[in-house]
C-alpha cells in the first residue's frame, strides 16, 4: 500500500474527502517528525512507538572497491510495534 492508497482507505473509513484525509495524514506525519526531532517519542496505544536513536560512527566497506570508509554517527528513526499490532498479525 502506498500513500495515495492509504489516503483513499482513510477517506472511505472515516467518511471524509480525500483532501481532508490527505491533510490528516500529513498532520500526523508532521507531528511525529517534529517530536522525533526534539528527541521525544510518540506512542500510539495498540499500534506502536516511534523513537529516535543515535547510531554510533562506524567503519564500512565500499562494495565496489572493498576500501574501508568512515560512516558518520547519525540519529535514526525506529518503530517498535505495540501488542495490538503484533496480535493482529
PDB file of N, CA and C in Angstrom:
ATOM      1  N   UNK A   1       0.859  -1.174   0.000  1.00  0.00           N
ATOM      2  CA  UNK A   1       0.000   0.000   0.000  1.00  0.00           C
ATOM      3  C   UNK A   1       0.897   1.227   0.000  1.00  0.00           C
ATOM      4  N   UNK A   2       0.626   2.154  -0.913  1.00  0.00           N
ATOM      5  CA  UNK A   2       1.395   3.389  -0.929  1.00  0.00           C
ATOM      6  C   UNK A   2       0.569   4.511  -0.301  1.00  0.00           C
ATOM      7  N   UNK A   3       1.120   5.710  -0.298  1.00  0.00           N
ATOM      8  CA  UNK A   3       0.494   6.833   0.404  1.00  0.00           C
ATOM      9  C   UNK A   3      -0.876   7.177  -0.179  1.00  0.00           C
ATOM     10  N   UNK A   4      -1.003   7.205  -1.487  1.00  0.00           N
ATOM     11  CA  UNK A   4      -2.292   7.560  -2.083  1.00  0.00           C
ATOM     12  C   UNK A   4      -3.350   6.502  -1.793  1.00  0.00           C
ATOM     13  N   UNK A   5      -2.958   5.236  -1.772  1.00  0.00           N
ATOM     14  CA  UNK A   5      -3.910   4.181  -1.422  1.00  0.00           C
ATOM     15  C   UNK A   5      -4.327   4.294   0.041  1.00  0.00           C
ATOM     16  N   UNK A   6      -3.384   4.655   0.914  1.00  0.00           N
ATOM     17  CA  UNK A   6      -3.697   4.851   2.327  1.00  0.00           C
ATOM     18  C   UNK A   6      -4.674   6.002   2.497  1.00  0.00           C
ATOM     19  N   UNK A   7      -4.481   7.073   1.753  1.00  0.00           N
ATOM     20  CA  UNK A   7      -5.393   8.221   1.821  1.00  0.00           C
ATOM     21  C   UNK A   7      -6.793   7.809   1.392  1.00  0.00           C
ATOM     22  N   UNK A   8      -6.904   6.986   0.345  1.00  0.00           N
ATOM     23  CA  UNK A   8      -8.216   6.505  -0.103  1.00  0.00           C
ATOM     24  C   UNK A   8      -8.902   5.675   0.976  1.00  0.00           C
ATOM     25  N   UNK A   9      -8.143   4.813   1.656  1.00  0.00           N
ATOM     26  CA  UNK A   9      -8.716   3.978   2.716  1.00  0.00           C
ATOM     27  C   UNK A   9      -9.171   4.842   3.881  1.00  0.00           C
ATOM     28  N   UNK A  10      -8.349   5.814   4.272  1.00  0.00           N
ATOM     29  CA  UNK A  10      -8.717   6.716   5.377  1.00  0.00           C
ATOM     30  C   UNK A  10      -9.983   7.473   5.023  1.00  0.00           C
ATOM     31  N   UNK A  11     -10.056   7.987   3.792  1.00  0.00           N
ATOM     32  CA  UNK A  11     -11.224   8.763   3.358  1.00  0.00           C
ATOM     33  C   UNK A  11     -12.493   7.913   3.391  1.00  0.00           C
ATOM     34  N   UNK A  12     -12.405   6.665   2.936  1.00  0.00           N
ATOM     35  CA  UNK A  12     -13.607   5.823   2.913  1.00  0.00           C
ATOM     36  C   UNK A  12     -14.012   5.365   4.312  1.00  0.00           C
ATOM     37  N   UNK A  13     -13.025   5.006   5.156  1.00  0.00           N
ATOM     38  CA  UNK A  13     -13.345   4.536   6.513  1.00  0.00           C
ATOM     39  C   UNK A  13     -13.888   5.655   7.401  1.00  0.00           C
ATOM     40  N   UNK A  14     -13.334   6.862   7.243  1.00  0.00           N
ATOM     41  CA  UNK A  14     -13.742   7.980   8.096  1.00  0.00           C
ATOM     42  C   UNK A  14     -14.873   8.797   7.470  1.00  0.00           C
ATOM     43  N   UNK A  15     -15.281   8.429   6.249  1.00  0.00           N
ATOM     44  CA  UNK A  15     -16.339   9.127   5.521  1.00  0.00           C
ATOM     45  C   UNK A  15     -16.026  10.622   5.381  1.00  0.00           C
ATOM     46  N   UNK A  16     -14.806  10.905   4.921  1.00  0.00           N
ATOM     47  CA  UNK A  16     -14.370  12.272   4.660  1.00  0.00           C
ATOM     48  C   UNK A  16     -13.793  12.332   3.245  1.00  0.00           C
ATOM     49  N   UNK A  17     -13.543  13.535   2.773  1.00  0.00           N
ATOM     50  CA  UNK A  17     -12.986  13.687   1.432  1.00  0.00           C
ATOM     51  C   UNK A  17     -11.531  13.244   1.408  1.00  0.00           C
ATOM     52  N   UNK A  18     -11.037  12.960   0.195  1.00  0.00           N
ATOM     53  CA  UNK A  18      -9.638  12.578   0.055  1.00  0.00           C
ATOM     54  C   UNK A  18      -8.722  13.730   0.453  1.00  0.00           C
ATOM     55  N   UNK A  19      -9.143  14.965   0.190  1.00  0.00           N
ATOM     56  CA  UNK A  19      -8.339  16.130   0.566  1.00  0.00           C
ATOM     57  C   UNK A  19      -8.203  16.222   2.081  1.00  0.00           C
ATOM     58  N   UNK A  20      -9.304  15.993   2.799  1.00  0.00           N
ATOM     59  CA  UNK A  20      -9.262  16.036   4.262  1.00  0.00           C
ATOM     60  C   UNK A  20      -8.430  14.884   4.810  1.00  0.00           C
ATOM     61  N   UNK A  21      -8.550  13.711   4.200  1.00  0.00           N
ATOM     62  CA  UNK A  21      -7.758  12.566   4.631  1.00  0.00           C
ATOM     63  C   UNK A  21      -6.276  12.824   4.392  1.00  0.00           C
ATOM     64  N   UNK A  22      -5.958  13.455   3.272  1.00  0.00           N
ATOM     65  CA  UNK A  22      -4.566  13.780   2.966  1.00  0.00           C
ATOM     66  C   UNK A  22      -4.004  14.768   3.982  1.00  0.00           C
ATOM     67  N   UNK A  23      -4.788  15.795   4.318  1.00  0.00           N
ATOM     68  CA  UNK A  23      -4.338  16.773   5.319  1.00  0.00           C
ATOM     69  C   UNK A  23      -4.148  16.106   6.677  1.00  0.00           C
ATOM     70  N   UNK A  24      -5.022  15.190   7.038  1.00  0.00           N
ATOM     71  CA  UNK A  24      -4.912  14.487   8.317  1.00  0.00           C
ATOM     72  C   UNK A  24      -3.652  13.638   8.371  1.00  0.00           C
ATOM     73  N   UNK A  25      -3.386  12.915   7.289  1.00  0.00           N
ATOM     74  CA  UNK A  25      -2.195  12.082   7.240  1.00  0.00           C
ATOM     75  C   UNK A  25      -0.933  12.935   7.294  1.00  0.00           C
ATOM     76  N   UNK A  26      -0.909  14.035   6.550  1.00  0.00           N
ATOM     77  CA  UNK A  26       0.247  14.943   6.573  1.00  0.00           C
ATOM     78  C   UNK A  26       0.453  15.531   7.964  1.00  0.00           C
ATOM     79  N   UNK A  27      -0.649  15.861   8.657  1.00  0.00           N
ATOM     80  CA  UNK A  27      -0.543  16.401  10.014  1.00  0.00           C
ATOM     81  C   UNK A  27       0.051  15.363  10.965  1.00  0.00           C
ATOM     82  N   UNK A  28      -0.377  14.113  10.838  1.00  0.00           N
ATOM     83  CA  UNK A  28       0.160  13.043  11.680  1.00  0.00           C
ATOM     84  C   UNK A  28       1.647  12.854  11.426  1.00  0.00           C
ATOM     85  N   UNK A  29       2.026  12.774  10.162  1.00  0.00           N
ATOM     86  CA  UNK A  29       3.439  12.583   9.815  1.00  0.00           C
ATOM     87  C   UNK A  29       4.273  13.761  10.313  1.00  0.00           C
ATOM     88  N   UNK A  30       3.756  14.969  10.145  1.00  0.00           N
ATOM     89  CA  UNK A  30       4.472  16.159  10.607  1.00  0.00           C
ATOM     90  C   UNK A  30       4.646  16.182  12.114  1.00  0.00           C
ATOM     91  N   UNK A  31       3.607  15.783  12.839  1.00  0.00           N
ATOM     92  CA  UNK A  31       3.687  15.762  14.298  1.00  0.00           C
ATOM     93  C   UNK A  31       4.706  14.728  14.782  1.00  0.00           C
ATOM     94  N   UNK A  32       4.725  13.560  14.156  1.00  0.00           N
ATOM     95  CA  UNK A  32       5.695  12.527  14.526  1.00  0.00           C
ATOM     96  C   UNK A  32       7.106  13.022  14.224  1.00  0.00           C
ATOM     97  N   UNK A  33       7.300  13.610  13.044  1.00  0.00           N
ATOM     98  CA  UNK A  33       8.618  14.118  12.646  1.00  0.00           C
ATOM     99  C   UNK A  33       9.107  15.186  13.630  1.00  0.00           C
ATOM    100  N   UNK A  34       8.238  16.120  14.000  1.00  0.00           N
ATOM    101  CA  UNK A  34       8.610  17.197  14.920  1.00  0.00           C
ATOM    102  C   UNK A  34       8.996  16.646  16.292  1.00  0.00           C
ATOM    103  N   UNK A  35       8.216  15.698  16.791  1.00  0.00           N
ATOM    104  CA  UNK A  35       8.514  15.112  18.100  1.00  0.00           C
ATOM    105  C   UNK A  35       9.838  14.364  18.087  1.00  0.00           C
ATOM    106  N   UNK A  36      10.100  13.620  17.010  1.00  0.00           N
ATOM    107  CA  UNK A  36      11.358  12.880  16.936  1.00  0.00           C
ATOM    108  C   UNK A  36      12.551  13.823  16.833  1.00  0.00           C
ATOM    109  N   UNK A  37      12.395  14.947  16.129  1.00  0.00           N
ATOM    110  CA  UNK A  37      13.481  15.924  16.037  1.00  0.00           C
ATOM    111  C   UNK A  37      13.812  16.501  17.402  1.00  0.00           C
ATOM    112  N   UNK A  38      12.796  16.684  18.252  1.00  0.00           N
ATOM    113  CA  UNK A  38      13.008  17.208  19.601  1.00  0.00           C
ATOM    114  C   UNK A  38      13.631  16.166  20.520  1.00  0.00           C
ATOM    115  N   UNK A  39      13.596  14.905  20.112  1.00  0.00           N
ATOM    116  CA  UNK A  39      14.129  13.838  20.955  1.00  0.00           C
ATOM    117  C   UNK A  39      13.056  13.119  21.742  1.00  0.00           C
ATOM    118  N   UNK A  40      11.795  13.485  21.502  1.00  0.00           N
ATOM    119  CA  UNK A  40      10.690  12.819  22.186  1.00  0.00           C
ATOM    120  C   UNK A  40      10.299  11.554  21.434  1.00  0.00           C
ATOM    121  N   UNK A  41       9.524  10.710  22.087  1.00  0.00           N
ATOM    122  CA  UNK A  41       8.983   9.539  21.407  1.00  0.00           C
ATOM    123  C   UNK A  41       7.481   9.752  21.228  1.00  0.00           C
ATOM    124  N   UNK A  42       6.898   9.037  20.276  1.00  0.00           N
ATOM    125  CA  UNK A  42       5.466   9.122  20.007  1.00  0.00           C
ATOM    126  C   UNK A  42       4.893   7.723  20.180  1.00  0.00           C
ATOM    127  N   UNK A  43       3.955   7.577  21.123  1.00  0.00           N
ATOM    128  CA  UNK A  43       3.335   6.292  21.385  1.00  0.00           C
ATOM    129  C   UNK A  43       1.869   6.348  21.003  1.00  0.00           C
ATOM    130  N   UNK A  44       1.460   5.426  20.139  1.00  0.00           N
ATOM    131  CA  UNK A  44       0.059   5.281  19.773  1.00  0.00           C
ATOM    132  C   UNK A  44      -0.366   3.934  20.343  1.00  0.00           C
ATOM    133  N   UNK A  45      -1.149   3.982  21.398  1.00  0.00           N
ATOM    134  CA  UNK A  45      -1.536   2.778  22.123  1.00  0.00           C
ATOM    135  C   UNK A  45      -2.201   1.782  21.178  1.00  0.00           C
ATOM    136  N   UNK A  46      -1.741   0.541  21.238  1.00  0.00           N
ATOM    137  CA  UNK A  46      -2.274  -0.508  20.396  1.00  0.00           C
ATOM    138  C   UNK A  46      -1.619  -0.583  19.022  1.00  0.00           C
ATOM    139  N   UNK A  47      -0.867   0.450  18.643  1.00  0.00           N
ATOM    140  CA  UNK A  47      -0.202   0.462  17.341  1.00  0.00           C
ATOM    141  C   UNK A  47       1.300   0.332  17.491  1.00  0.00           C
ATOM    142  N   UNK A  48       1.920   1.262  18.232  1.00  0.00           N
ATOM    143  CA  UNK A  48       3.359   1.169  18.429  1.00  0.00           C
ATOM    144  C   UNK A  48       3.980   2.469  18.885  1.00  0.00           C
ATOM    145  N   UNK A  49       5.304   2.479  18.949  1.00  0.00           N
ATOM    146  CA  UNK A  49       6.066   3.624  19.430  1.00  0.00           C
ATOM    147  C   UNK A  49       7.139   4.002  18.422  1.00  0.00           C
ATOM    148  N   UNK A  50       7.186   5.286  18.086  1.00  0.00           N
ATOM    149  CA  UNK A  50       8.233   5.836  17.236  1.00  0.00           C
ATOM    150  C   UNK A  50       9.260   6.507  18.139  1.00  0.00           C
ATOM    151  N   UNK A  51      10.541   6.211  17.944  1.00  0.00           N
ATOM    152  CA  UNK A  51      11.608   6.841  18.716  1.00  0.00           C
ATOM    153  C   UNK A  51      12.749   7.216  17.777  1.00  0.00           C
ATOM    154  N   UNK A  52      13.582   8.127  18.247  1.00  0.00           N
ATOM    155  CA  UNK A  52      14.801   8.481  17.522  1.00  0.00           C
ATOM    156  C   UNK A  52      15.974   8.006  18.362  1.00  0.00           C
ATOM    157  N   UNK A  53      16.855   7.238  17.763  1.00  0.00           N
ATOM    158  CA  UNK A  53      18.016   6.735  18.485  1.00  0.00           C
ATOM    159  C   UNK A  53      19.288   7.177  17.775  1.00  0.00           C
ATOM    160  N   UNK A  54      20.373   7.205  18.535  1.00  0.00           N
ATOM    161  CA  UNK A  54      21.659   7.582  17.956  1.00  0.00           C
ATOM    162  C   UNK A  54      22.384   6.326  17.505  1.00  0.00           C
ATOM    163  N   UNK A  55      22.908   6.378  16.305  1.00  0.00           N
ATOM    164  CA  UNK A  55      23.724   5.281  15.788  1.00  0.00           C
ATOM    165  C   UNK A  55      25.167   5.767  15.788  1.00  0.00           C
ATOM    166  N   UNK A  56      26.057   4.993  16.371  1.00  0.00           N
ATOM    167  CA  UNK A  56      27.457   5.388  16.518  1.00  0.00           C
ATOM    168  C   UNK A  56      28.168   5.397  15.170  1.00  0.00           C
ATOM    169  N   UNK A  57      29.243   6.156  15.107  1.00  0.00           N
ATOM    170  CA  UNK A  57      30.085   6.155  13.917  1.00  0.00           C
ATOM    171  C   UNK A  57      30.713   4.773  13.776  1.00  0.00           C
ATOM    172  N   UNK A  58      30.925   4.374  12.533  1.00  0.00           N
ATOM    173  CA  UNK A  58      31.486   3.046  12.315  1.00  0.00           C
ATOM    174  C   UNK A  58      32.263   3.016  11.003  1.00  0.00           C
ATOM    175  N   UNK A  59      32.994   1.936  10.819  1.00  0.00           N
ATOM    176  CA  UNK A  59      33.745   1.743   9.587  1.00  0.00           C
ATOM    177  C   UNK A  59      32.983   0.769   8.710  1.00  0.00           C
ATOM    178  N   UNK A  60      32.794   1.153   7.451  1.00  0.00           N
ATOM    179  CA  UNK A  60      32.110   0.291   6.495  1.00  0.00           C
ATOM    180  C   UNK A  60      33.021  -0.023   5.328  1.00  0.00           C
ATOM    181  N   UNK A  61      32.493  -0.681   4.339  1.00  0.00           N
ATOM    182  CA  UNK A  61      33.255  -1.053   3.142  1.00  0.00           C
ATOM    183  C   UNK A  61      32.535  -0.550   1.905  1.00  0.00           C
ATOM    184  N   UNK A  62      33.296  -0.015   0.969  1.00  0.00           N
ATOM    185  CA  UNK A  62      32.755   0.346  -0.326  1.00  0.00           C
ATOM    186  C   UNK A  62      32.542  -0.970  -1.075  1.00  0.00           C
ATOM    187  N   UNK A  63      31.297  -1.293  -1.445  1.00  0.00           N
ATOM    188  CA  UNK A  63      31.056  -2.589  -2.072  1.00  0.00           C
ATOM    189  C   UNK A  63      31.745  -2.745  -3.438  1.00  0.00           C
ATOM    190  N   UNK A  64      32.001  -1.648  -4.098  1.00  0.00           N
ATOM    191  CA  UNK A  64      32.625  -1.729  -5.416  1.00  0.00           C
ATOM    192  C   UNK A  64      34.126  -1.989  -5.325  1.00  0.00           C
ATOM    193  N   UNK A  65      34.794  -1.269  -4.408  1.00  0.00           N
ATOM    194  CA  UNK A  65      36.250  -1.381  -4.333  1.00  0.00           C
ATOM    195  C   UNK A  65      36.737  -2.195  -3.142  1.00  0.00           C
ATOM    196  N   UNK A  66      35.896  -2.353  -2.129  1.00  0.00           N
ATOM    197  CA  UNK A  66      36.310  -3.064  -0.927  1.00  0.00           C
ATOM    198  C   UNK A  66      37.095  -2.193   0.034  1.00  0.00           C
ATOM    199  N   UNK A  67      37.281  -0.910  -0.314  1.00  0.00           N
ATOM    200  CA  UNK A  67      38.041   0.000   0.541  1.00  0.00           C
ATOM    201  C   UNK A  67      37.234   0.357   1.787  1.00  0.00           C
ATOM    202  N   UNK A  68      37.925   0.535   2.905  1.00  0.00           N
ATOM    203  CA  UNK A  68      37.275   0.929   4.154  1.00  0.00           C
ATOM    204  C   UNK A  68      36.875   2.397   4.070  1.00  0.00           C
ATOM    205  N   UNK A  69      35.676   2.711   4.552  1.00  0.00           N
ATOM    206  CA  UNK A  69      35.200   4.094   4.607  1.00  0.00           C
ATOM    207  C   UNK A  69      34.635   4.358   5.992  1.00  0.00           C
ATOM    208  N   UNK A  70      34.671   5.620   6.404  1.00  0.00           N
ATOM    209  CA  UNK A  70      34.127   6.009   7.690  1.00  0.00           C
ATOM    210  C   UNK A  70      32.682   6.462   7.485  1.00  0.00           C
ATOM    211  N   UNK A  71      31.795   5.934   8.327  1.00  0.00           N
ATOM    212  CA  UNK A  71      30.387   6.318   8.294  1.00  0.00           C
ATOM    213  C   UNK A  71      30.123   7.128   9.548  1.00  0.00           C
ATOM    214  N   UNK A  72      29.608   8.352   9.363  1.00  0.00           N
ATOM    215  CA  UNK A  72      29.385   9.254  10.492  1.00  0.00           C
ATOM    216  C   UNK A  72      28.271   8.761  11.417  1.00  0.00           C
ATOM    217  N   UNK A  73      28.307   9.235  12.646  1.00  0.00           N
ATOM    218  CA  UNK A  73      27.228   8.965  13.590  1.00  0.00           C
ATOM    219  C   UNK A  73      25.964   9.651  13.073  1.00  0.00           C
ATOM    220  N   UNK A  74      24.813   9.084  13.387  1.00  0.00           N
ATOM    221  CA  UNK A  74      23.559   9.643  12.900  1.00  0.00           C
ATOM    222  C   UNK A  74      22.423   9.346  13.865  1.00  0.00           C
ATOM    223  N   UNK A  75      21.388  10.168  13.800  1.00  0.00           N
ATOM    224  CA  UNK A  75      20.146   9.887  14.505  1.00  0.00           C
ATOM    225  C   UNK A  75      19.231   9.195  13.516  1.00  0.00           C
ATOM    226  N   UNK A  76      18.658   8.069  13.921  1.00  0.00           N
ATOM    227  CA  UNK A  76      17.800   7.303  13.030  1.00  0.00           C
ATOM    228  C   UNK A  76      16.457   7.023  13.698  1.00  0.00           C
ATOM    229  N   UNK A  77      15.371   7.039  12.915  1.00  0.00           N
ATOM    230  CA  UNK A  77      14.065   6.720  13.481  1.00  0.00           C
ATOM    231  C   UNK A  77      13.904   5.218  13.645  1.00  0.00           C
ATOM    232  N   UNK A  78      13.205   4.836  14.703  1.00  0.00           N
ATOM    233  CA  UNK A  78      12.908   3.427  14.947  1.00  0.00           C
ATOM    234  C   UNK A  78      11.430   3.300  15.275  1.00  0.00           C
ATOM    235  N   UNK A  79      10.862   2.161  14.939  1.00  0.00           N
ATOM    236  CA  UNK A  79       9.468   1.876  15.258  1.00  0.00           C
ATOM    237  C   UNK A  79       9.402   0.541  15.979  1.00  0.00           C
ATOM    238  N   UNK A  80       8.732   0.532  17.113  1.00  0.00           N
ATOM    239  CA  UNK A  80       8.522  -0.700  17.871  1.00  0.00           C
ATOM    240  C   UNK A  80       7.015  -0.964  17.901  1.00  0.00           C
ATOM    241  N   UNK A  81       6.550  -2.041  17.270  1.00  0.00           N
ATOM    242  CA  UNK A  81       5.120  -2.298  17.221  1.00  0.00           C
ATOM    243  C   UNK A  81       4.541  -2.596  18.608  1.00  0.00           C
ATOM    244  N   UNK A  82       3.308  -2.172  18.799  1.00  0.00           N
ATOM    245  CA  UNK A  82       2.617  -2.422  20.056  1.00  0.00           C
ATOM    246  C   UNK A  82       1.963  -3.792  20.068  1.00  0.00           C
ATOM    247  N   UNK A  83       1.449  -4.179  21.209  1.00  0.00           N
ATOM    248  CA  UNK A  83       0.844  -5.502  21.372  1.00  0.00           C
ATOM    249  C   UNK A  83      -0.341  -5.687  20.442  1.00  0.00           C
ATOM    250  N   UNK A  84      -1.159  -4.679  20.288  1.00  0.00           N
ATOM    251  CA  UNK A  84      -2.329  -4.793  19.426  1.00  0.00           C
ATOM    252  C   UNK A  84      -1.963  -5.070  17.979  1.00  0.00           C
ATOM    253  N   UNK A  85      -0.929  -4.407  17.482  1.00  0.00           N
ATOM    254  CA  UNK A  85      -0.477  -4.635  16.112  1.00  0.00           C
ATOM    255  C   UNK A  85       0.152  -6.014  15.968  1.00  0.00           C
ATOM    256  N   UNK A  86       0.970  -6.405  16.934  1.00  0.00           N
ATOM    257  CA  UNK A  86       1.595  -7.737  16.880  1.00  0.00           C
ATOM    258  C   UNK A  86       0.541  -8.848  16.901  1.00  0.00           C
ATOM    259  N   UNK A  87      -0.471  -8.669  17.755  1.00  0.00           N
ATOM    260  CA  UNK A  87      -1.522  -9.692  17.854  1.00  0.00           C
ATOM    261  C   UNK A  87      -2.374  -9.757  16.588  1.00  0.00           C
ATOM    262  N   UNK A  88      -2.520  -8.619  15.906  1.00  0.00           N
ATOM    263  CA  UNK A  88      -3.329  -8.590  14.686  1.00  0.00           C
ATOM    264  C   UNK A  88      -2.637  -9.337  13.551  1.00  0.00           C
ATOM    265  N   UNK A  89      -1.310  -9.408  13.601  1.00  0.00           N
ATOM    266  CA  UNK A  89      -0.573 -10.108  12.541  1.00  0.00           C
ATOM    267  C   UNK A  89      -0.432 -11.573  12.870  1.00  0.00           C
TER     268      UNK A  89
END
